[in-house]
Amino acid sequence: MFKVLGVDHIGIAAGDLKEVGSFWSDALGLSTTGEETVEEQKVTTGFYPTPNGSEIELLVATALDSPIAKYIEKKGEGIQHIALRVDNLEEALSDLKAKGVRLIDEKPRKGAGGAKIAFLHPKATHGVLLELCQRD
C-alpha cells in the first residue's frame, strides 16, 4: 500500500509568469527557484517553495492547445490542481486503479523538477484535479 507523504504543491494557472510571480515574491516574500519549460505538457513553470516544504507552482501555457491555455480560457487564472507527494507512484496508480478510481495517467510521466507525476480524473475526486507525484 502506498502512502501519501503530504501536499507537494498547488498548481496555479497563470497568464503571465512574471506578473503573477511578483505577487508571490513581492507581496508574500517567497523566492522562486526559477523557471522550467516542460515541452510534453506545453507549459512553463515557476516554483515558489514555502517554509514547510510545499510549493506554489505557477503554470503558463506555451501553446494554444496546452491544458493550461484551455483552463484559463474556460475558468480564468486560479488553482488548477493540487499535488500530493506519494512514496511509490507506480504502486499508488495500481492500488487506485484496483479500487476503481478513474485515472488520467495509468503510468507515471515526467513532470517539472524531475518528479514522476500522474493525474487522477476530477470526476473521481469530486471535482478536484489531483496530481500524484514522487520525488527521489
C-alpha atoms as a PDB file:
ATOM      1  CA  MET A   1       0.000   0.000   0.000  1.00  0.00           C
ATOM      2  CA  PHE A   2       1.333   3.419  -0.937  1.00  0.00           C
ATOM      3  CA  LYS A   3       1.477   6.366   1.453  1.00  0.00           C
ATOM      4  CA  VAL A   4       0.576   9.998   0.929  1.00  0.00           C
ATOM      5  CA  LEU A   5       3.501  11.978   2.335  1.00  0.00           C
ATOM      6  CA  GLY A   6       1.880  15.420   2.191  1.00  0.00           C
ATOM      7  CA  VAL A   7       0.934  18.253  -0.111  1.00  0.00           C
ATOM      8  CA  ASP A   8       3.743  18.632  -2.622  1.00  0.00           C
ATOM      9  CA  HIS A   9       2.430  21.715  -4.393  1.00  0.00           C
ATOM     10  CA  ILE A  10      -0.588  23.679  -5.528  1.00  0.00           C
ATOM     11  CA  GLY A  11      -0.676  24.357  -9.263  1.00  0.00           C
ATOM     12  CA  ILE A  12      -1.953  27.773 -10.320  1.00  0.00           C
ATOM     13  CA  ALA A  13      -2.823  28.592 -13.926  1.00  0.00           C
ATOM     14  CA  ALA A  14      -1.331  31.985 -14.779  1.00  0.00           C
ATOM     15  CA  GLY A  15      -1.452  34.176 -17.849  1.00  0.00           C
ATOM     16  CA  ASP A  16       1.941  35.767 -17.221  1.00  0.00           C
ATOM     17  CA  LEU A  17       4.646  34.165 -15.084  1.00  0.00           C
ATOM     18  CA  LYS A  18       6.414  37.393 -14.124  1.00  0.00           C
ATOM     19  CA  GLU A  19       3.240  39.329 -13.310  1.00  0.00           C
ATOM     20  CA  VAL A  20       1.674  36.585 -11.183  1.00  0.00           C
ATOM     21  CA  GLY A  21       5.042  35.610  -9.730  1.00  0.00           C
ATOM     22  CA  SER A  22       5.572  39.142  -8.459  1.00  0.00           C
ATOM     23  CA  PHE A  23       2.618  38.696  -6.091  1.00  0.00           C
ATOM     24  CA  TRP A  24       4.147  35.558  -4.569  1.00  0.00           C
ATOM     25  CA  SER A  25       7.585  37.151  -4.270  1.00  0.00           C
ATOM     26  CA  ASP A  26       6.875  40.838  -3.595  1.00  0.00           C
ATOM     27  CA  ALA A  27       3.687  40.567  -1.533  1.00  0.00           C
ATOM     28  CA  LEU A  28       4.338  37.270   0.269  1.00  0.00           C
ATOM     29  CA  GLY A  29       8.129  37.167   0.326  1.00  0.00           C
ATOM     30  CA  LEU A  30       8.550  33.777  -1.339  1.00  0.00           C
ATOM     31  CA  SER A  31      11.580  33.283  -3.583  1.00  0.00           C
ATOM     32  CA  THR A  32      11.351  31.442  -6.871  1.00  0.00           C
ATOM     33  CA  THR A  33      13.586  28.508  -7.703  1.00  0.00           C
ATOM     34  CA  GLY A  34      13.481  29.590 -11.350  1.00  0.00           C
ATOM     35  CA  GLU A  35      11.558  28.680 -14.464  1.00  0.00           C
ATOM     36  CA  GLU A  36      11.351  25.385 -16.319  1.00  0.00           C
ATOM     37  CA  THR A  37       9.600  24.548 -19.575  1.00  0.00           C
ATOM     38  CA  VAL A  38       8.042  21.095 -19.780  1.00  0.00           C
ATOM     39  CA  GLU A  39       7.578  20.568 -23.516  1.00  0.00           C
ATOM     40  CA  GLU A  40       5.451  17.410 -23.129  1.00  0.00           C
ATOM     41  CA  GLN A  41       2.880  19.343 -21.098  1.00  0.00           C
ATOM     42  CA  LYS A  42       3.213  22.592 -23.090  1.00  0.00           C
ATOM     43  CA  VAL A  43       3.855  24.715 -20.000  1.00  0.00           C
ATOM     44  CA  THR A  44       6.486  26.852 -18.374  1.00  0.00           C
ATOM     45  CA  THR A  45       6.520  26.574 -14.602  1.00  0.00           C
ATOM     46  CA  GLY A  46       7.821  28.687 -11.786  1.00  0.00           C
ATOM     47  CA  PHE A  47       8.055  27.199  -8.287  1.00  0.00           C
ATOM     48  CA  TYR A  48       7.806  29.198  -5.054  1.00  0.00           C
ATOM     49  CA  PRO A  49       8.747  26.999  -2.075  1.00  0.00           C
ATOM     50  CA  THR A  50       7.136  27.606   1.311  1.00  0.00           C
ATOM     51  CA  PRO A  51       8.912  27.087   4.643  1.00  0.00           C
ATOM     52  CA  ASN A  52       7.080  23.802   5.348  1.00  0.00           C
ATOM     53  CA  GLY A  53       8.359  22.163   2.155  1.00  0.00           C
ATOM     54  CA  SER A  54       5.247  22.590  -0.020  1.00  0.00           C
ATOM     55  CA  GLU A  55       5.425  24.770  -3.121  1.00  0.00           C
ATOM     56  CA  ILE A  56       3.280  27.064  -5.218  1.00  0.00           C
ATOM     57  CA  GLU A  57       3.652  26.106  -8.884  1.00  0.00           C
ATOM     58  CA  LEU A  58       2.726  28.769 -11.408  1.00  0.00           C
ATOM     59  CA  LEU A  59       1.837  27.326 -14.817  1.00  0.00           C
ATOM     60  CA  VAL A  60       1.879  29.329 -18.051  1.00  0.00           C
ATOM     61  CA  ALA A  61       0.854  27.836 -21.392  1.00  0.00           C
ATOM     62  CA  THR A  62       3.459  27.631 -24.141  1.00  0.00           C
ATOM     63  CA  ALA A  63       0.904  26.657 -26.818  1.00  0.00           C
ATOM     64  CA  LEU A  64      -2.750  27.396 -27.527  1.00  0.00           C
ATOM     65  CA  ASP A  65      -3.624  23.700 -27.153  1.00  0.00           C
ATOM     66  CA  SER A  66      -1.973  23.444 -23.742  1.00  0.00           C
ATOM     67  CA  PRO A  67      -4.243  22.229 -20.914  1.00  0.00           C
ATOM     68  CA  ILE A  68      -3.359  25.467 -19.088  1.00  0.00           C
ATOM     69  CA  ALA A  69      -4.459  27.625 -22.041  1.00  0.00           C
ATOM     70  CA  LYS A  70      -7.740  25.710 -22.153  1.00  0.00           C
ATOM     71  CA  TYR A  71      -8.171  26.054 -18.389  1.00  0.00           C
ATOM     72  CA  ILE A  72      -7.627  29.830 -18.449  1.00  0.00           C
ATOM     73  CA  GLU A  73      -9.963  30.202 -21.432  1.00  0.00           C
ATOM     74  CA  LYS A  74     -12.695  28.309 -19.576  1.00  0.00           C
ATOM     75  CA  LYS A  75     -12.188  29.385 -15.951  1.00  0.00           C
ATOM     76  CA  GLY A  76      -9.591  32.161 -15.860  1.00  0.00           C
ATOM     77  CA  GLU A  77      -6.457  32.233 -13.734  1.00  0.00           C
ATOM     78  CA  GLY A  78      -6.509  30.308 -10.465  1.00  0.00           C
ATOM     79  CA  ILE A  79      -5.943  26.974  -8.784  1.00  0.00           C
ATOM     80  CA  GLN A  80      -5.682  24.328 -11.488  1.00  0.00           C
ATOM     81  CA  HIS A  81      -4.604  21.317  -9.421  1.00  0.00           C
ATOM     82  CA  ILE A  82      -3.415  20.059  -6.058  1.00  0.00           C
ATOM     83  CA  ALA A  83      -0.451  17.688  -5.959  1.00  0.00           C
ATOM     84  CA  LEU A  84       0.090  15.103  -3.260  1.00  0.00           C
ATOM     85  CA  ARG A  85       3.512  13.547  -2.787  1.00  0.00           C
ATOM     86  CA  VAL A  86       3.447   9.761  -2.534  1.00  0.00           C
ATOM     87  CA  ASP A  87       6.157   7.294  -1.599  1.00  0.00           C
ATOM     88  CA  ASN A  88       5.597   4.980  -4.603  1.00  0.00           C
ATOM     89  CA  LEU A  89       3.760   6.362  -7.622  1.00  0.00           C
ATOM     90  CA  GLU A  90       3.548   3.102  -9.561  1.00  0.00           C
ATOM     91  CA  GLU A  91       2.037   1.352  -6.531  1.00  0.00           C
ATOM     92  CA  ALA A  92      -0.366   4.251  -5.966  1.00  0.00           C
ATOM     93  CA  LEU A  93      -1.669   4.056  -9.540  1.00  0.00           C
ATOM     94  CA  SER A  94      -2.031   0.281  -9.333  1.00  0.00           C
ATOM     95  CA  ASP A  95      -3.861   0.452  -5.988  1.00  0.00           C
ATOM     96  CA  LEU A  96      -6.174   3.246  -7.111  1.00  0.00           C
ATOM     97  CA  LYS A  97      -6.998   1.522 -10.402  1.00  0.00           C
ATOM     98  CA  ALA A  98      -7.809  -1.683  -8.480  1.00  0.00           C
ATOM     99  CA  LYS A  99     -10.185   0.370  -6.302  1.00  0.00           C
ATOM    100  CA  GLY A 100     -11.961   1.647  -9.423  1.00  0.00           C
ATOM    101  CA  VAL A 101     -10.593   5.191  -9.254  1.00  0.00           C
ATOM    102  CA  ARG A 102     -10.647   6.821 -12.687  1.00  0.00           C
ATOM    103  CA  LEU A 103      -7.149   7.816 -13.786  1.00  0.00           C
ATOM    104  CA  ILE A 104      -5.993  10.257 -16.437  1.00  0.00           C
ATOM    105  CA  ASP A 105      -2.498   8.723 -16.393  1.00  0.00           C
ATOM    106  CA  GLU A 106      -2.171   4.984 -15.881  1.00  0.00           C
ATOM    107  CA  LYS A 107       1.619   5.248 -15.976  1.00  0.00           C
ATOM    108  CA  PRO A 108       3.882   7.919 -14.480  1.00  0.00           C
ATOM    109  CA  ARG A 109       5.286  10.595 -16.723  1.00  0.00           C
ATOM    110  CA  LYS A 110       7.985  13.214 -16.275  1.00  0.00           C
ATOM    111  CA  GLY A 111       6.974  16.437 -14.561  1.00  0.00           C
ATOM    112  CA  ALA A 112       8.765  19.639 -13.637  1.00  0.00           C
ATOM    113  CA  GLY A 113      11.759  19.408 -11.344  1.00  0.00           C
ATOM    114  CA  GLY A 114      12.433  15.793 -12.292  1.00  0.00           C
ATOM    115  CA  ALA A 115       9.359  14.493 -10.470  1.00  0.00           C
ATOM    116  CA  LYS A 116       7.384  11.493 -11.674  1.00  0.00           C
ATOM    117  CA  ILE A 117       3.727  12.517 -11.941  1.00  0.00           C
ATOM    118  CA  ALA A 118       0.276  11.176 -12.764  1.00  0.00           C
ATOM    119  CA  PHE A 119      -3.169  12.754 -12.648  1.00  0.00           C
ATOM    120  CA  LEU A 120      -6.433  11.371 -11.302  1.00  0.00           C
ATOM    121  CA  HIS A 121      -9.617  12.300 -13.133  1.00  0.00           C
ATOM    122  CA  PRO A 122     -11.620  15.117 -11.481  1.00  0.00           C
ATOM    123  CA  LYS A 123     -14.784  13.006 -11.732  1.00  0.00           C
ATOM    124  CA  ALA A 124     -13.146  10.513  -9.352  1.00  0.00           C
ATOM    125  CA  THR A 125     -12.084  13.201  -6.868  1.00  0.00           C
ATOM    126  CA  HIS A 126     -15.315  15.205  -6.638  1.00  0.00           C
ATOM    127  CA  GLY A 127     -14.172  17.973  -8.954  1.00  0.00           C
ATOM    128  CA  VAL A 128     -10.514  18.371  -7.948  1.00  0.00           C
ATOM    129  CA  LEU A 129      -7.774  17.752 -10.490  1.00  0.00           C
ATOM    130  CA  LEU A 130      -5.413  15.762  -8.298  1.00  0.00           C
ATOM    131  CA  GLU A 131      -1.808  15.094  -9.237  1.00  0.00           C
ATOM    132  CA  LEU A 132       0.242  12.438  -7.521  1.00  0.00           C
ATOM    133  CA  CYS A 133       3.977  12.926  -7.596  1.00  0.00           C
ATOM    134  CA  GLN A 134       7.081  11.125  -6.462  1.00  0.00           C
ATOM    135  CA  ARG A 135      10.427  12.815  -5.975  1.00  0.00           C
ATOM    136  CA  ASP A 136      13.509  10.710  -5.482  1.00  0.00           C
END
